[in-house]
Amino acid sequence: MDEKRDFNAQASSWDDNPVRVKLAQDVADAIISSVKITPDTDVLDFGCGTGLVTLALSRHAGSITGADSSRGMLEALDRKISLAGISNVKTLYYDADDNAPIPGSYGVIVSSMAFHHVRDVAALIRRLHEALVPGGKLCVADLDPDEGLFHSDNTGVFHFGFEREDLRRVFTTAGFLEVRDITATEVIRPVSGGSMSFSVFLLTGIKPL
């Protein structure tokens, strides 16, 4: 699990998978139900991909920045923004492995199904904490432990899901308060010999004032 996954080649067909589209909408719905996003809120979507969650949240936010380490994914999102004439969404190239500060300051930071592709999750959560305004909220959706079965190809997958208690502890260590988790959705995926249900959690925390 040392090799990074090349998402550029998958960008053009990423949205063709209805399971993936539904997962993104379910996560967006869970975020909207869990934290307050208003026309005054600046949002960052870390690991935004083609912007499925980004665009779902954009209708509620003042502005939203989609950040990703795949330029192909960002180009796909830029095309959507341009075609739809959306004015409150922009893109940002950001690679968590560079260990650089995250540009900007945000009231809400979200991430959907990206953390299992990040080598050092604790370091990333510290940087996300720094990028939030006081009182800002972090919302992370990802897999419960999946035994490495969720992906047919585990290239670039550095974590086979997460134990919620472990990730809550990382949030708390980084300085987040009121750390809570819910089940955002269930995903049915084909596996060898049939199909399997995978649960996706949403973990939230607040940066102190």
C-alpha atoms as a PDB file:
ATOM      1  CA  MET A   1       0.000   0.000   0.000  1.00  0.00           C
ATOM      2  CA  ASP A   2       2.884   2.379  -0.725  1.00  0.00           C
ATOM      3  CA  GLU A   3       1.897   3.506  -4.217  1.00  0.00           C
ATOM      4  CA  LYS A   4      -0.360   6.488  -4.752  1.00  0.00           C
ATOM      5  CA  ARG A   5      -3.401   5.949  -6.929  1.00  0.00           C
ATOM      6  CA  ASP A   6      -3.686   7.778 -10.249  1.00  0.00           C
ATOM      7  CA  PHE A   7      -7.121   9.395 -10.169  1.00  0.00           C
ATOM      8  CA  ASN A   8      -6.476  11.469 -13.296  1.00  0.00           C
ATOM      9  CA  ALA A   9      -7.283   8.588 -15.625  1.00  0.00           C
ATOM     10  CA  GLN A  10     -10.603   7.968 -13.857  1.00  0.00           C
ATOM     11  CA  ALA A  11     -11.813  11.562 -13.743  1.00  0.00           C
ATOM     12  CA  SER A  12     -13.737  11.602 -17.033  1.00  0.00           C
ATOM     13  CA  SER A  13     -15.869   8.585 -16.104  1.00  0.00           C
ATOM     14  CA  TRP A  14     -16.008   9.073 -12.318  1.00  0.00           C
ATOM     15  CA  ASP A  15     -19.623  10.270 -12.252  1.00  0.00           C
ATOM     16  CA  ASP A  16     -20.861   7.387 -14.449  1.00  0.00           C
ATOM     17  CA  ASN A  17     -21.129   5.133 -11.383  1.00  0.00           C
ATOM     18  CA  PRO A  18     -24.598   5.610  -9.817  1.00  0.00           C
ATOM     19  CA  VAL A  19     -23.474   4.005  -6.540  1.00  0.00           C
ATOM     20  CA  ARG A  20     -20.748   6.622  -6.242  1.00  0.00           C
ATOM     21  CA  VAL A  21     -23.175   9.451  -7.028  1.00  0.00           C
ATOM     22  CA  LYS A  22     -25.672   8.215  -4.429  1.00  0.00           C
ATOM     23  CA  LEU A  23     -22.928   7.865  -1.821  1.00  0.00           C
ATOM     24  CA  ALA A  24     -21.891  11.480  -2.360  1.00  0.00           C
ATOM     25  CA  GLN A  25     -25.480  12.715  -2.061  1.00  0.00           C
ATOM     26  CA  ASP A  26     -26.030  10.673   1.109  1.00  0.00           C
ATOM     27  CA  VAL A  27     -22.883  12.131   2.655  1.00  0.00           C
ATOM     28  CA  ALA A  28     -23.874  15.664   1.646  1.00  0.00           C
ATOM     29  CA  ASP A  29     -27.313  15.142   3.207  1.00  0.00           C
ATOM     30  CA  ALA A  30     -25.702  13.866   6.423  1.00  0.00           C
ATOM     31  CA  ILE A  31     -23.413  16.909   6.550  1.00  0.00           C
ATOM     32  CA  ILE A  32     -26.299  19.322   6.025  1.00  0.00           C
ATOM     33  CA  SER A  33     -28.231  17.595   8.810  1.00  0.00           C
ATOM     34  CA  SER A  34     -25.249  17.656  11.196  1.00  0.00           C
ATOM     35  CA  VAL A  35     -23.747  21.140  10.843  1.00  0.00           C
ATOM     36  CA  LYS A  36     -25.095  24.547   9.955  1.00  0.00           C
ATOM     37  CA  ILE A  37     -24.023  25.811   6.535  1.00  0.00           C
ATOM     38  CA  THR A  38     -25.382  29.236   5.624  1.00  0.00           C
ATOM     39  CA  PRO A  39     -24.857  31.853   2.893  1.00  0.00           C
ATOM     40  CA  ASP A  40     -22.230  33.339   5.223  1.00  0.00           C
ATOM     41  CA  THR A  41     -20.232  30.098   5.446  1.00  0.00           C
ATOM     42  CA  ASP A  42     -16.961  29.535   3.580  1.00  0.00           C
ATOM     43  CA  VAL A  43     -16.530  25.789   3.066  1.00  0.00           C
ATOM     44  CA  LEU A  44     -13.555  23.637   2.051  1.00  0.00           C
ATOM     45  CA  ASP A  45     -14.149  20.175   0.561  1.00  0.00           C
ATOM     46  CA  PHE A  46     -10.905  18.221   1.000  1.00  0.00           C
ATOM     47  CA  GLY A  47     -10.472  15.413  -1.526  1.00  0.00           C
ATOM     48  CA  CYS A  48     -13.346  16.753  -3.576  1.00  0.00           C
ATOM     49  CA  GLY A  49     -12.835  14.594  -6.677  1.00  0.00           C
ATOM     50  CA  THR A  50     -15.220  15.721  -9.405  1.00  0.00           C
ATOM     51  CA  GLY A  51     -17.161  17.798  -6.899  1.00  0.00           C
ATOM     52  CA  LEU A  52     -20.205  15.630  -6.235  1.00  0.00           C
ATOM     53  CA  VAL A  53     -20.319  16.652  -2.566  1.00  0.00           C
ATOM     54  CA  THR A  54     -18.932  20.117  -3.319  1.00  0.00           C
ATOM     55  CA  LEU A  55     -21.759  21.020  -5.662  1.00  0.00           C
ATOM     56  CA  ALA A  56     -24.420  19.508  -3.412  1.00  0.00           C
ATOM     57  CA  LEU A  57     -23.246  21.766  -0.572  1.00  0.00           C
ATOM     58  CA  SER A  58     -22.727  24.824  -2.776  1.00  0.00           C
ATOM     59  CA  ARG A  59     -26.448  25.573  -2.766  1.00  0.00           C
ATOM     60  CA  HIS A  60     -26.239  26.195   0.988  1.00  0.00           C
ATOM     61  CA  ALA A  61     -22.832  27.873   1.338  1.00  0.00           C
ATOM     62  CA  GLY A  62     -21.568  31.357   0.674  1.00  0.00           C
ATOM     63  CA  SER A  63     -18.501  29.916  -1.022  1.00  0.00           C
ATOM     64  CA  ILE A  64     -16.952  26.483  -1.320  1.00  0.00           C
ATOM     65  CA  THR A  65     -13.474  25.464  -2.380  1.00  0.00           C
ATOM     66  CA  GLY A  66     -12.932  21.987  -3.785  1.00  0.00           C
ATOM     67  CA  ALA A  67      -9.404  20.791  -2.980  1.00  0.00           C
ATOM     68  CA  ASP A  68      -7.807  17.688  -4.472  1.00  0.00           C
ATOM     69  CA  SER A  69      -4.412  16.233  -5.385  1.00  0.00           C
ATOM     70  CA  SER A  70      -5.691  15.047  -8.789  1.00  0.00           C
ATOM     71  CA  ARG A  71      -5.539  17.733 -11.442  1.00  0.00           C
ATOM     72  CA  GLY A  72      -7.783  15.595 -13.647  1.00  0.00           C
ATOM     73  CA  MET A  73     -10.499  15.581 -11.002  1.00  0.00           C
ATOM     74  CA  LEU A  74     -10.172  19.333 -10.515  1.00  0.00           C
ATOM     75  CA  GLU A  75     -10.436  19.884 -14.266  1.00  0.00           C
ATOM     76  CA  ALA A  76     -13.665  17.845 -14.295  1.00  0.00           C
ATOM     77  CA  LEU A  77     -15.063  20.007 -11.493  1.00  0.00           C
ATOM     78  CA  ASP A  78     -13.934  23.194 -13.246  1.00  0.00           C
ATOM     79  CA  ARG A  79     -15.864  22.095 -16.350  1.00  0.00           C
ATOM     80  CA  LYS A  80     -19.006  21.585 -14.277  1.00  0.00           C
ATOM     81  CA  ILE A  81     -18.603  25.007 -12.667  1.00  0.00           C
ATOM     82  CA  SER A  82     -18.162  26.652 -16.053  1.00  0.00           C
ATOM     83  CA  LEU A  83     -21.020  24.842 -17.783  1.00  0.00           C
ATOM     84  CA  ALA A  84     -23.464  25.581 -14.961  1.00  0.00           C
ATOM     85  CA  GLY A  85     -22.292  29.163 -14.491  1.00  0.00           C
ATOM     86  CA  ILE A  86     -21.710  28.593 -10.783  1.00  0.00           C
ATOM     87  CA  SER A  87     -20.133  31.614  -9.101  1.00  0.00           C
ATOM     88  CA  ASN A  88     -19.502  30.446  -5.522  1.00  0.00           C
ATOM     89  CA  VAL A  89     -17.331  27.375  -6.208  1.00  0.00           C
ATOM     90  CA  LYS A  90     -13.614  27.306  -6.984  1.00  0.00           C
ATOM     91  CA  THR A  91     -10.915  24.643  -7.074  1.00  0.00           C
ATOM     92  CA  LEU A  92      -7.585  24.270  -5.300  1.00  0.00           C
ATOM     93  CA  TYR A  93      -4.752  21.843  -5.966  1.00  0.00           C
ATOM     94  CA  TYR A  94      -3.597  20.459  -2.630  1.00  0.00           C
ATOM     95  CA  ASP A  95      -1.653  17.290  -1.837  1.00  0.00           C
ATOM     96  CA  ALA A  96      -1.790  16.256   1.818  1.00  0.00           C
ATOM     97  CA  ASP A  97       1.495  14.370   1.442  1.00  0.00           C
ATOM     98  CA  ASP A  98       3.300  17.679   0.917  1.00  0.00           C
ATOM     99  CA  ASN A  99       2.637  18.588   4.575  1.00  0.00           C
ATOM    100  CA  ALA A 100       2.030  22.200   3.585  1.00  0.00           C
ATOM    101  CA  PRO A 101      -0.421  24.555   5.299  1.00  0.00           C
ATOM    102  CA  ILE A 102      -3.868  24.648   3.725  1.00  0.00           C
ATOM    103  CA  PRO A 103      -4.472  28.010   2.029  1.00  0.00           C
ATOM    104  CA  GLY A 104      -7.438  30.013   3.246  1.00  0.00           C
ATOM    105  CA  SER A 105      -9.656  30.058   6.309  1.00  0.00           C
ATOM    106  CA  TYR A 106     -12.986  28.259   6.540  1.00  0.00           C
ATOM    107  CA  GLY A 107     -16.066  27.992   8.720  1.00  0.00           C
ATOM    108  CA  VAL A 108     -16.704  24.371   7.721  1.00  0.00           C
ATOM    109  CA  ILE A 109     -14.329  21.776   6.263  1.00  0.00           C
ATOM    110  CA  VAL A 110     -15.732  18.555   4.853  1.00  0.00           C
ATOM    111  CA  SER A 111     -14.198  15.425   3.387  1.00  0.00           C
ATOM    112  CA  SER A 112     -15.886  12.406   1.855  1.00  0.00           C
ATOM    113  CA  MET A 113     -14.137   9.092   1.225  1.00  0.00           C
ATOM    114  CA  ALA A 114     -10.707  10.700   0.961  1.00  0.00           C
ATOM    115  CA  PHE A 115      -9.054   9.963   4.306  1.00  0.00           C
ATOM    116  CA  HIS A 116      -8.328   6.312   3.503  1.00  0.00           C
ATOM    117  CA  HIS A 117      -6.119   7.600   0.672  1.00  0.00           C
ATOM    118  CA  VAL A 118      -4.074   9.796   3.063  1.00  0.00           C
ATOM    119  CA  ARG A 119      -0.915   8.362   4.596  1.00  0.00           C
ATOM    120  CA  ASP A 120      -0.706  10.514   7.743  1.00  0.00           C
ATOM    121  CA  VAL A 121      -4.265  11.211   8.840  1.00  0.00           C
ATOM    122  CA  ALA A 122      -3.296  12.743  12.186  1.00  0.00           C
ATOM    123  CA  ALA A 123      -1.063  15.335  10.489  1.00  0.00           C
ATOM    124  CA  LEU A 124      -3.831  16.188   8.030  1.00  0.00           C
ATOM    125  CA  ILE A 125      -6.386  16.667  10.808  1.00  0.00           C
ATOM    126  CA  ARG A 126      -4.009  19.063  12.570  1.00  0.00           C
ATOM    127  CA  ARG A 127      -3.677  21.113   9.372  1.00  0.00           C
ATOM    128  CA  LEU A 128      -7.442  21.116   8.854  1.00  0.00           C
ATOM    129  CA  HIS A 129      -7.836  22.346  12.426  1.00  0.00           C
ATOM    130  CA  GLU A 130      -5.440  25.213  11.655  1.00  0.00           C
ATOM    131  CA  ALA A 131      -7.441  26.150   8.536  1.00  0.00           C
ATOM    132  CA  LEU A 132     -10.713  26.498  10.461  1.00  0.00           C
ATOM    133  CA  VAL A 133     -11.873  29.727  12.023  1.00  0.00           C
ATOM    134  CA  PRO A 134     -12.567  29.604  15.783  1.00  0.00           C
ATOM    135  CA  GLY A 135     -15.866  27.774  16.190  1.00  0.00           C
ATOM    136  CA  GLY A 136     -15.450  26.144  12.777  1.00  0.00           C
ATOM    137  CA  LYS A 137     -16.495  22.562  12.180  1.00  0.00           C
ATOM    138  CA  LEU A 138     -14.784  19.555  10.584  1.00  0.00           C
ATOM    139  CA  CYS A 139     -16.906  16.826   8.979  1.00  0.00           C
ATOM    140  CA  VAL A 140     -15.187  13.653   7.807  1.00  0.00           C
ATOM    141  CA  ALA A 141     -17.022  10.806   6.076  1.00  0.00           C
ATOM    142  CA  ASP A 142     -15.217   7.548   5.469  1.00  0.00           C
ATOM    143  CA  LEU A 143     -15.474   3.800   5.780  1.00  0.00           C
ATOM    144  CA  ASP A 144     -15.839   1.757   8.895  1.00  0.00           C
ATOM    145  CA  PRO A 145     -13.268  -1.103   8.847  1.00  0.00           C
ATOM    146  CA  ASP A 146     -13.721  -2.882   5.515  1.00  0.00           C
ATOM    147  CA  GLU A 147     -11.046  -5.633   5.599  1.00  0.00           C
ATOM    148  CA  GLY A 148      -9.688  -4.242   2.341  1.00  0.00           C
ATOM    149  CA  LEU A 149     -12.755  -5.405   0.434  1.00  0.00           C
ATOM    150  CA  PHE A 150     -14.371  -2.093  -0.517  1.00  0.00           C
ATOM    151  CA  HIS A 151     -11.991  -1.437  -3.383  1.00  0.00           C
ATOM    152  CA  SER A 152     -11.331  -3.977  -6.102  1.00  0.00           C
ATOM    153  CA  ASP A 153      -7.854  -2.418  -6.401  1.00  0.00           C
ATOM    154  CA  ASN A 154      -6.218  -1.226  -3.189  1.00  0.00           C
ATOM    155  CA  THR A 155      -3.512   0.797  -4.891  1.00  0.00           C
ATOM    156  CA  GLY A 156      -3.234   4.059  -2.979  1.00  0.00           C
ATOM    157  CA  VAL A 157      -5.449   2.829  -0.136  1.00  0.00           C
ATOM    158  CA  PHE A 158      -3.482   3.369   3.070  1.00  0.00           C
ATOM    159  CA  HIS A 159      -6.261   2.476   5.536  1.00  0.00           C
ATOM    160  CA  PHE A 160      -8.850  -0.276   5.250  1.00  0.00           C
ATOM    161  CA  GLY A 161     -11.451   1.932   6.893  1.00  0.00           C
ATOM    162  CA  PHE A 162     -11.237   3.393  10.386  1.00  0.00           C
ATOM    163  CA  GLU A 163     -12.358   2.484  13.860  1.00  0.00           C
ATOM    164  CA  ARG A 164     -14.546   5.417  14.878  1.00  0.00           C
ATOM    165  CA  GLU A 165     -13.153   5.487  18.416  1.00  0.00           C
ATOM    166  CA  ASP A 166      -9.598   5.763  17.087  1.00  0.00           C
ATOM    167  CA  LEU A 167     -10.472   8.625  14.752  1.00  0.00           C
ATOM    168  CA  ARG A 168     -12.442  10.409  17.487  1.00  0.00           C
ATOM    169  CA  ARG A 169      -9.291  10.266  19.595  1.00  0.00           C
ATOM    170  CA  VAL A 170      -7.249  11.835  16.784  1.00  0.00           C
ATOM    171  CA  PHE A 171      -9.831  14.629  16.497  1.00  0.00           C
ATOM    172  CA  THR A 172      -9.657  15.266  20.241  1.00  0.00           C
ATOM    173  CA  THR A 173      -5.848  15.243  20.275  1.00  0.00           C
ATOM    174  CA  ALA A 174      -5.856  17.833  17.464  1.00  0.00           C
ATOM    175  CA  GLY A 175      -7.996  20.102  19.646  1.00  0.00           C
ATOM    176  CA  PHE A 176     -11.551  19.435  18.471  1.00  0.00           C
ATOM    177  CA  LEU A 177     -14.461  19.529  20.909  1.00  0.00           C
ATOM    178  CA  GLU A 178     -17.883  17.861  20.827  1.00  0.00           C
ATOM    179  CA  VAL A 179     -16.595  15.055  18.624  1.00  0.00           C
ATOM    180  CA  ARG A 180     -19.495  12.899  17.456  1.00  0.00           C
ATOM    181  CA  ASP A 181     -20.169  10.257  14.851  1.00  0.00           C
ATOM    182  CA  ILE A 182     -23.199   8.947  12.988  1.00  0.00           C
ATOM    183  CA  THR A 183     -23.692   6.423  10.214  1.00  0.00           C
ATOM    184  CA  ALA A 184     -24.101   8.486   7.046  1.00  0.00           C
ATOM    185  CA  THR A 185     -25.012   5.692   4.652  1.00  0.00           C
ATOM    186  CA  GLU A 186     -24.536   2.074   3.618  1.00  0.00           C
ATOM    187  CA  VAL A 187     -22.996   1.087   0.296  1.00  0.00           C
ATOM    188  CA  ILE A 188     -23.560  -2.240  -1.442  1.00  0.00           C
ATOM    189  CA  ARG A 189     -20.523  -3.288  -3.473  1.00  0.00           C
ATOM    190  CA  PRO A 190     -19.708  -6.464  -5.405  1.00  0.00           C
ATOM    191  CA  VAL A 191     -17.106  -8.703  -3.792  1.00  0.00           C
ATOM    192  CA  SER A 192     -15.773 -12.110  -4.672  1.00  0.00           C
ATOM    193  CA  GLY A 193     -18.679 -14.523  -4.554  1.00  0.00           C
ATOM    194  CA  GLY A 194     -21.464 -11.947  -4.241  1.00  0.00           C
ATOM    195  CA  SER A 195     -22.001  -8.534  -2.688  1.00  0.00           C
ATOM    196  CA  MET A 196     -21.332  -6.862   0.649  1.00  0.00           C
ATOM    197  CA  SER A 197     -22.668  -3.888   2.587  1.00  0.00           C
ATOM    198  CA  PHE A 198     -20.150  -1.293   3.756  1.00  0.00           C
ATOM    199  CA  SER A 199     -21.060   1.386   6.299  1.00  0.00           C
ATOM    200  CA  VAL A 200     -19.836   4.967   5.979  1.00  0.00           C
ATOM    201  CA  PHE A 201     -19.622   7.150   9.084  1.00  0.00           C
ATOM    202  CA  LEU A 202     -19.674  10.926   9.455  1.00  0.00           C
ATOM    203  CA  LEU A 203     -17.432  12.224  12.227  1.00  0.00           C
ATOM    204  CA  THR A 204     -17.773  15.861  13.297  1.00  0.00           C
ATOM    205  CA  GLY A 205     -15.875  18.143  15.645  1.00  0.00           C
ATOM    206  CA  ILE A 206     -15.739  21.828  16.555  1.00  0.00           C
ATOM    207  CA  LYS A 207     -12.670  24.049  16.858  1.00  0.00           C
ATOM    208  CA  PRO A 208     -12.810  25.967  20.144  1.00  0.00           C
ATOM    209  CA  LEU A 209     -13.652  29.684  20.067  1.00  0.00           C
END
